[in-house]
């Protein structure tokens, strides 16, 4: 079978993809390294888990196994209405037609790339940007335009200078993953005013709950949606809401953009229990407050510990922190595994001297710091 040029180009794009590398699972570590009672501080998960109300719902759902045989609500009616109810305080006139649900916010990012970019188009994102941005860009055959970072974060002026007639998308994570840096909302507003209207700007707010109210100058960009028709905001239930295994994320945009995204979105991309759990989780804001409070305490403990032993780190607005280990970071990572502690090497982000450590419970934080001190003594 002979292939045409378009098919060859598509195959080239796929063959050059660098797969996403997840944090090592606890079961794999205990099986391969022979350790017990391991802790995982690699994937920015909520150490408290989901809301107790979600756990109660899931336990009760076992009494109705017939639900497993039925397709989920393909439109996510209940969850979307819960989102409108919660977010209307921040963004007035917010409507259900502005929401796109995804199998995690990762899928929403992928849907955005497939909707707005293709071969010969350009997608802008920063050095040290979330790994899904280059993957989604490469998958659609677009050209990645990577702007140099500014203090480990997004340089908005560099992004503006990088815009050309071929630019279709700009991805900005705020707070940024993996570095944890955070942009003031005032700076983002000025940036949006300068971006051409035909360029779609995606503000990835996966860690919004941790930054909101805790970081000076930070505010969600939701209130700006009414002023910028080219703006999309993405969020997730995988972080502060503790539902990473259920994979629920969402995009918020103009109704016109959401209509396009929902045409590309696969049917039934969220399962019934995930949709219901996310809706229940939204009602338990006390659990979010407890999760954020625990994160604040844990972050303080870790950074004070790093400072006490002379380790540099990147100040973070998320639920993780990158600490500078040095040229032997990969070796330290492996030694930590033998101590039953999973962290995240970030050499794939061109940060070979660093490890990213998620904030856990205080017991987990103390364990990772004690193990780190032991190894580096």
Protein backbone atom coordinates (compact mmCIF):
# COMPACT_ATOMS: atom_id res chain seq x y z
CA UNK A 1 0.00 0.00 0.00
CA UNK A 2 1.38 3.40 -0.95
CA UNK A 3 0.87 6.44 1.28
CA UNK A 4 0.13 9.98 0.17
CA UNK A 5 2.08 12.96 1.52
CA UNK A 6 -0.50 13.78 4.18
CA UNK A 7 -0.40 10.23 5.52
CA UNK A 8 3.39 10.25 5.55
CA UNK A 9 3.44 13.57 7.42
CA UNK A 10 0.97 12.22 9.98
CA UNK A 11 3.09 9.12 10.56
CA UNK A 12 6.18 11.27 10.95
CA UNK A 13 4.43 13.35 13.62
CA UNK A 14 3.36 10.27 15.55
CA UNK A 15 6.76 8.56 15.32
CA UNK A 16 8.45 11.66 16.78
CA UNK A 17 6.14 11.89 19.79
CA UNK A 18 7.79 11.59 23.20
CA UNK A 19 5.31 9.69 25.39
CA UNK A 20 4.28 11.20 28.70
CA UNK A 21 6.18 9.61 31.60
CA UNK A 22 4.00 9.25 34.70
CA UNK A 23 5.22 9.00 38.28
CA UNK A 24 6.17 5.49 39.36
CA UNK A 25 3.22 3.64 40.97
CA UNK A 26 3.63 2.41 44.55
CA UNK A 27 2.83 -1.19 43.58
CA UNK A 28 5.57 -1.18 40.96
CA UNK A 29 8.13 0.19 43.40
CA UNK A 30 7.31 -2.35 46.10
CA UNK A 31 7.35 -5.18 43.57
CA UNK A 32 10.58 -4.23 41.80
CA UNK A 33 12.59 -2.84 44.71
CA UNK A 34 11.37 -5.12 47.49
CA UNK A 35 10.40 -2.25 49.80
CA UNK A 36 7.32 -2.01 52.00
CA UNK A 37 5.07 0.87 53.05
CA UNK A 38 6.28 3.13 50.26
CA UNK A 39 5.02 6.70 49.87
CA UNK A 40 4.43 8.44 46.57
CA UNK A 41 5.21 12.14 46.33
CA UNK A 42 5.64 12.25 42.57
CA UNK A 43 2.35 13.13 40.87
CA UNK A 44 0.94 16.13 42.77
CA UNK A 45 -1.98 14.14 44.17
CA UNK A 46 -4.04 15.20 47.19
CA UNK A 47 -2.71 13.21 50.18
CA UNK A 48 -6.12 13.49 51.88
CA UNK A 49 -7.81 11.76 48.96
CA UNK A 50 -11.30 12.75 47.84
CA UNK A 51 -14.11 14.20 49.91
CA UNK A 52 -15.64 11.73 52.40
CA UNK A 53 -18.95 12.49 50.67
CA UNK A 54 -17.53 11.02 47.46
CA UNK A 55 -16.37 7.91 49.31
CA UNK A 56 -19.84 7.47 50.80
CA UNK A 57 -21.46 7.80 47.37
CA UNK A 58 -19.14 5.21 45.87
CA UNK A 59 -19.85 2.77 48.67
CA UNK A 60 -23.60 3.21 48.21
CA UNK A 61 -23.31 2.84 44.43
CA UNK A 62 -22.26 -0.79 44.87
CA UNK A 63 -25.87 -1.47 45.80
CA UNK A 64 -26.92 -0.66 42.24
CA UNK A 65 -24.60 -2.70 39.97
CA UNK A 66 -27.01 -2.27 37.04
CA UNK A 67 -25.60 1.24 36.71
CA UNK A 68 -22.42 -0.35 35.37
CA UNK A 69 -24.25 -1.59 32.29
CA UNK A 70 -25.65 1.79 31.30
CA UNK A 71 -23.90 4.49 29.32
CA UNK A 72 -23.07 7.68 31.23
CA UNK A 73 -24.74 11.00 30.54
CA UNK A 74 -22.81 12.09 27.46
CA UNK A 75 -23.52 15.75 28.18
CA UNK A 76 -22.60 15.65 31.88
CA UNK A 77 -25.75 17.60 32.77
CA UNK A 78 -25.48 17.36 36.58
CA UNK A 79 -21.78 18.19 36.76
CA UNK A 80 -22.09 21.09 34.35
CA UNK A 81 -24.91 22.61 36.38
CA UNK A 82 -22.90 22.19 39.57
CA UNK A 83 -20.00 23.99 37.89
CA UNK A 84 -22.27 26.84 36.82
CA UNK A 85 -23.62 27.08 40.37
CA UNK A 86 -20.14 27.20 41.91
CA UNK A 87 -18.39 29.43 39.39
CA UNK A 88 -21.14 31.99 38.82
CA UNK A 89 -19.87 33.89 41.86
CA UNK A 90 -16.58 34.42 40.03
CA UNK A 91 -17.85 34.76 36.49
CA UNK A 92 -21.29 36.34 36.22
CA UNK A 93 -23.53 35.29 33.33
CA UNK A 94 -21.64 31.98 33.15
CA UNK A 95 -23.68 29.41 31.19
CA UNK A 96 -23.65 25.65 30.79
CA UNK A 97 -22.97 26.10 27.05
CA UNK A 98 -19.50 27.40 27.92
CA UNK A 99 -18.26 24.11 29.43
CA UNK A 100 -16.35 21.27 27.79
CA UNK A 101 -15.81 18.15 29.90
CA UNK A 102 -12.73 16.02 29.45
CA UNK A 103 -11.19 12.78 30.63
CA UNK A 104 -8.91 14.84 32.83
CA UNK A 105 -7.85 18.31 31.77
CA UNK A 106 -5.20 16.54 29.67
CA UNK A 107 -7.90 15.47 27.25
CA UNK A 108 -9.31 18.99 27.12
CA UNK A 109 -5.86 20.28 26.16
CA UNK A 110 -5.63 17.62 23.46
CA UNK A 111 -9.10 18.50 22.16
CA UNK A 112 -8.10 22.17 21.98
CA UNK A 113 -5.01 21.35 19.93
CA UNK A 114 -7.00 19.12 17.56
CA UNK A 115 -9.65 21.80 17.14
CA UNK A 116 -7.46 24.81 16.46
CA UNK A 117 -4.08 23.64 15.17
CA UNK A 118 -2.79 21.45 12.36
CA UNK A 119 0.13 21.15 9.96
CA UNK A 120 1.81 24.50 9.12
CA UNK A 121 0.34 26.12 12.27
CA UNK A 122 2.39 27.24 15.28
CA UNK A 123 1.70 26.69 18.97
CA UNK A 124 3.50 28.78 21.57
CA UNK A 125 4.40 27.63 25.08
CA UNK A 126 7.25 28.26 27.47
CA UNK A 127 10.42 26.44 28.31
CA UNK A 128 9.65 24.21 31.33
CA UNK A 129 6.00 23.97 30.26
CA UNK A 130 3.69 21.05 31.08
CA UNK A 131 4.66 18.01 29.01
CA UNK A 132 1.20 17.64 27.45
CA UNK A 133 1.59 20.88 25.47
CA UNK A 134 4.39 19.59 23.20
CA UNK A 135 2.71 16.18 22.94
CA UNK A 136 -0.60 17.68 21.80
CA UNK A 137 1.20 20.03 19.42
CA UNK A 138 3.28 17.29 17.84
CA UNK A 139 0.28 14.96 17.52
CA UNK A 140 -1.55 17.38 15.23
CA UNK A 141 1.55 18.15 13.16
CA UNK A 142 1.86 21.74 14.32
CA UNK A 143 5.16 23.47 15.05
CA UNK A 144 6.07 24.07 18.69
CA UNK A 145 7.45 27.53 19.37
CA UNK A 146 9.14 27.36 22.76
CA UNK A 147 9.93 30.71 24.38
CA UNK A 148 12.73 31.03 26.96
CA UNK A 149 11.56 30.95 30.56
CA UNK A 150 11.81 33.96 32.85
CA UNK A 151 12.74 32.99 36.41
CA UNK A 152 11.54 29.43 35.71
CA UNK A 153 8.15 30.71 34.53
CA UNK A 154 6.31 32.05 31.50
CA UNK A 155 7.83 35.15 29.89
CA UNK A 156 4.74 36.90 28.52
CA UNK A 157 6.72 39.47 26.55
CA UNK A 158 8.73 36.72 24.85
CA UNK A 159 5.47 35.00 23.94
CA UNK A 160 4.06 38.17 22.41
CA UNK A 161 7.21 38.61 20.35
CA UNK A 162 6.94 35.00 19.13
CA UNK A 163 3.47 35.45 17.62
CA UNK A 164 3.38 35.24 13.82
CA UNK A 165 0.65 34.94 11.21
CA UNK A 166 0.91 31.17 11.67
CA UNK A 167 0.28 31.21 15.42
CA UNK A 168 -2.97 29.50 16.37
CA UNK A 169 -2.57 28.61 20.06
CA UNK A 170 -0.74 29.74 23.19
CA UNK A 171 -0.58 27.47 26.25
CA UNK A 172 0.13 29.01 29.68
CA UNK A 173 -0.07 27.05 32.93
CA UNK A 174 -0.71 29.27 35.94
CA UNK A 175 0.56 28.09 38.39
CA UNK A 176 3.11 26.39 36.16
CA UNK A 177 3.91 22.70 36.26
CA UNK A 178 6.65 21.52 36.89
CA UNK A 179 8.24 24.70 38.29
CA UNK A 180 5.37 26.06 40.41
CA UNK A 181 5.85 29.65 39.28
CA UNK A 182 2.85 31.95 39.19
CA UNK A 183 1.86 34.98 37.11
CA UNK A 184 -0.11 37.93 38.54
CA UNK A 185 -3.54 38.22 36.97
CA UNK A 186 -2.86 41.87 36.12
CA UNK A 187 0.04 40.79 33.89
CA UNK A 188 -2.11 38.19 32.16
CA UNK A 189 -4.83 40.76 31.48
CA UNK A 190 -2.34 43.06 29.77
CA UNK A 191 -1.03 40.09 27.80
CA UNK A 192 -4.52 39.08 26.63
CA UNK A 193 -5.19 42.62 25.45
CA UNK A 194 -2.13 42.43 23.19
CA UNK A 195 -2.72 38.96 21.71
CA UNK A 196 -4.46 39.04 18.30
CA UNK A 197 -8.08 37.94 18.47
CA UNK A 198 -7.49 35.06 16.05
CA UNK A 199 -4.98 33.40 18.42
CA UNK A 200 -6.54 31.18 21.09
CA UNK A 201 -4.99 31.54 24.55
CA UNK A 202 -5.30 28.64 26.98
CA UNK A 203 -4.77 29.37 30.67
CA UNK A 204 -4.27 26.03 32.43
CA UNK A 205 -5.46 26.45 36.03
CA UNK A 206 -4.95 22.87 37.23
CA UNK A 207 -3.52 24.14 40.54
CA UNK A 208 -5.86 27.11 40.98
CA UNK A 209 -7.24 25.96 44.34
CA UNK A 210 -3.76 26.01 45.89
CA UNK A 211 -2.83 29.46 44.58
CA UNK A 212 -6.15 31.24 45.08
CA UNK A 213 -6.08 33.32 48.25
CA UNK A 214 -2.52 32.22 49.06
CA UNK A 215 -0.42 33.99 46.43
CA UNK A 216 -0.26 37.78 46.24
CA UNK A 217 -1.48 39.06 42.89
CA UNK A 218 -2.92 35.73 41.79
CA UNK A 219 -6.55 35.45 40.72
CA UNK A 220 -8.28 33.05 38.38
CA UNK A 221 -8.78 34.39 34.88
CA UNK A 222 -12.43 33.33 34.87
CA UNK A 223 -13.72 36.92 35.21
CA UNK A 224 -11.89 37.80 31.97
CA UNK A 225 -13.84 35.32 29.85
CA UNK A 226 -16.50 37.86 28.98
CA UNK A 227 -13.89 40.26 27.63
CA UNK A 228 -11.81 37.87 25.53
CA UNK A 229 -13.55 35.61 23.02
CA UNK A 230 -10.24 33.84 22.32
CA UNK A 231 -9.67 32.73 25.95
CA UNK A 232 -10.03 29.17 27.26
CA UNK A 233 -9.48 28.21 30.89
CA UNK A 234 -8.85 24.58 31.82
CA UNK A 235 -9.17 22.98 35.25
CA UNK A 236 -9.11 19.53 36.79
CA UNK A 237 -10.53 17.41 39.60
CA UNK A 238 -7.26 15.43 39.78
CA UNK A 239 -5.39 17.73 42.15
CA UNK A 240 -7.09 19.49 45.07
CA UNK A 241 -10.30 17.48 44.63
CA UNK A 242 -8.42 14.17 44.95
CA UNK A 243 -10.08 12.42 42.00
CA UNK A 244 -7.01 11.71 39.85
CA UNK A 245 -8.01 8.10 39.16
CA UNK A 246 -11.41 9.18 37.82
CA UNK A 247 -9.96 11.56 35.22
CA UNK A 248 -12.32 14.52 35.17
CA UNK A 249 -11.33 17.92 33.82
CA UNK A 250 -13.11 20.77 32.11
CA UNK A 251 -12.62 23.74 29.85
CA UNK A 252 -14.44 27.06 30.17
CA UNK A 253 -14.64 29.38 27.20
CA UNK A 254 -17.07 31.33 25.08
CA UNK A 255 -20.09 29.31 23.98
CA UNK A 256 -18.82 29.50 20.39
CA UNK A 257 -15.48 27.89 21.26
CA UNK A 258 -17.12 25.31 23.53
CA UNK A 259 -19.40 24.34 20.66
CA UNK A 260 -16.37 23.61 18.50
CA UNK A 261 -14.58 21.68 21.25
CA UNK A 262 -17.65 19.57 21.97
CA UNK A 263 -17.87 18.62 18.30
CA UNK A 264 -14.34 17.19 18.51
CA UNK A 265 -14.79 15.63 21.98
CA UNK A 266 -15.37 11.87 21.97
CA UNK A 267 -18.82 10.68 23.12
CA UNK A 268 -19.08 9.33 26.68
CA UNK A 269 -15.56 10.47 27.55
CA UNK A 270 -16.43 10.60 31.28
CA UNK A 271 -17.86 7.62 33.13
CA UNK A 272 -20.96 7.80 35.33
CA UNK A 273 -19.17 7.46 38.65
CA UNK A 274 -16.57 10.04 37.73
CA UNK A 275 -19.21 12.58 36.74
CA UNK A 276 -21.23 12.03 39.91
CA UNK A 277 -18.16 12.04 42.15
CA UNK A 278 -16.96 15.33 40.68
CA UNK A 279 -20.38 16.91 41.23
CA UNK A 280 -20.43 15.73 44.85
CA UNK A 281 -16.86 16.94 45.40
CA UNK A 282 -17.82 20.45 44.32
CA UNK A 283 -20.33 20.60 47.18
CA UNK A 284 -17.67 19.83 49.80
CA UNK A 285 -15.62 23.01 49.84
CA UNK A 286 -14.64 22.34 53.46
CA UNK A 287 -12.60 19.39 52.19
CA UNK A 288 -10.85 21.75 49.75
CA UNK A 289 -10.08 24.18 52.57
CA UNK A 290 -8.59 21.36 54.65
CA UNK A 291 -6.56 20.15 51.66
CA UNK A 292 -5.17 23.62 50.95
CA UNK A 293 -4.37 24.18 54.63
CA UNK A 294 -2.48 20.87 54.79
CA UNK A 295 -0.60 21.84 51.65
CA UNK A 296 0.39 25.22 53.09
CA UNK A 297 1.75 23.58 56.25
CA UNK A 298 3.56 20.87 54.31
CA UNK A 299 5.10 23.34 51.86
CA UNK A 300 6.45 25.42 54.74
CA UNK A 301 7.95 22.33 56.35
CA UNK A 302 9.70 21.21 53.17
CA UNK A 303 11.14 24.56 52.14
CA UNK A 304 12.34 25.29 55.68
CA UNK A 305 14.00 21.90 55.65
CA UNK A 306 15.67 22.57 52.31
CA UNK A 307 16.94 25.91 53.58
CA UNK A 308 18.29 24.32 56.76
CA UNK A 309 20.58 22.02 54.74
CA UNK A 310 21.48 24.56 52.05
CA UNK A 311 19.38 23.15 49.20
CA UNK A 312 18.03 25.61 46.64
CA UNK A 313 14.43 25.29 45.49
CA UNK A 314 12.00 27.06 43.18
CA UNK A 315 9.25 28.82 45.20
CA UNK A 316 5.98 27.15 44.24
CA UNK A 317 2.33 28.18 44.18
CA UNK A 318 1.17 24.59 43.66
CA UNK A 319 1.20 21.44 45.77
CA UNK A 320 4.74 20.49 44.78
CA UNK A 321 8.22 21.98 44.87
CA UNK A 322 11.32 21.51 42.72
CA UNK A 323 14.49 21.18 44.79
CA UNK A 324 17.97 21.46 43.30
CA UNK A 325 19.92 18.29 44.10
CA UNK A 326 22.81 18.72 41.67
CA UNK A 327 24.38 16.64 38.95
CA UNK A 328 23.60 13.45 40.90
CA UNK A 329 19.84 14.09 41.01
CA UNK A 330 19.09 10.89 39.07
CA UNK A 331 21.21 8.88 41.50
CA UNK A 332 19.50 10.48 44.50
CA UNK A 333 16.10 9.73 42.96
CA UNK A 334 17.02 6.04 42.67
CA UNK A 335 18.37 5.91 46.23
CA UNK A 336 15.14 7.45 47.49
CA UNK A 337 13.26 4.58 45.84
CA UNK A 338 15.22 2.12 47.99
CA UNK A 339 14.10 4.16 50.98
CA UNK A 340 10.50 3.64 49.85
CA UNK A 341 10.03 7.26 48.70
CA UNK A 342 8.88 8.09 45.16
CA UNK A 343 9.69 11.59 43.92
CA UNK A 344 9.74 12.90 40.36
CA UNK A 345 12.90 13.41 38.29
CA UNK A 346 12.42 16.28 35.85
CA UNK A 347 15.29 15.73 33.44
CA UNK A 348 12.65 15.32 30.72
CA UNK A 349 11.86 19.01 31.31
CA UNK A 350 15.55 19.88 30.83
CA UNK A 351 15.94 20.24 34.60
CA UNK A 352 18.40 17.38 35.27
CA UNK A 353 19.66 18.84 38.56
CA UNK A 354 16.21 18.93 40.15
CA UNK A 355 13.68 16.59 41.73
CA UNK A 356 10.04 17.57 42.00
CA UNK A 357 8.48 16.61 45.31
CA UNK A 358 4.74 16.66 45.91
CA UNK A 359 3.52 17.91 49.27
CA UNK A 360 2.09 15.00 51.26
CA UNK A 361 0.82 14.49 54.76
CA UNK A 362 3.16 15.75 57.47
CA UNK A 363 4.28 12.16 58.12
CA UNK A 364 5.10 11.75 54.40
CA UNK A 365 6.88 15.11 54.26
CA UNK A 366 9.02 14.18 57.24
CA UNK A 367 9.82 10.83 55.70
CA UNK A 368 10.98 12.26 52.36
CA UNK A 369 13.09 14.93 54.05
CA UNK A 370 14.69 12.43 56.43
CA UNK A 371 15.47 10.11 53.51
CA UNK A 372 16.92 13.00 51.51
CA UNK A 373 19.16 14.07 54.38
CA UNK A 374 20.35 10.49 54.90
CA UNK A 375 21.24 10.02 51.23
CA UNK A 376 22.97 13.36 50.82
CA UNK A 377 24.88 13.28 54.09
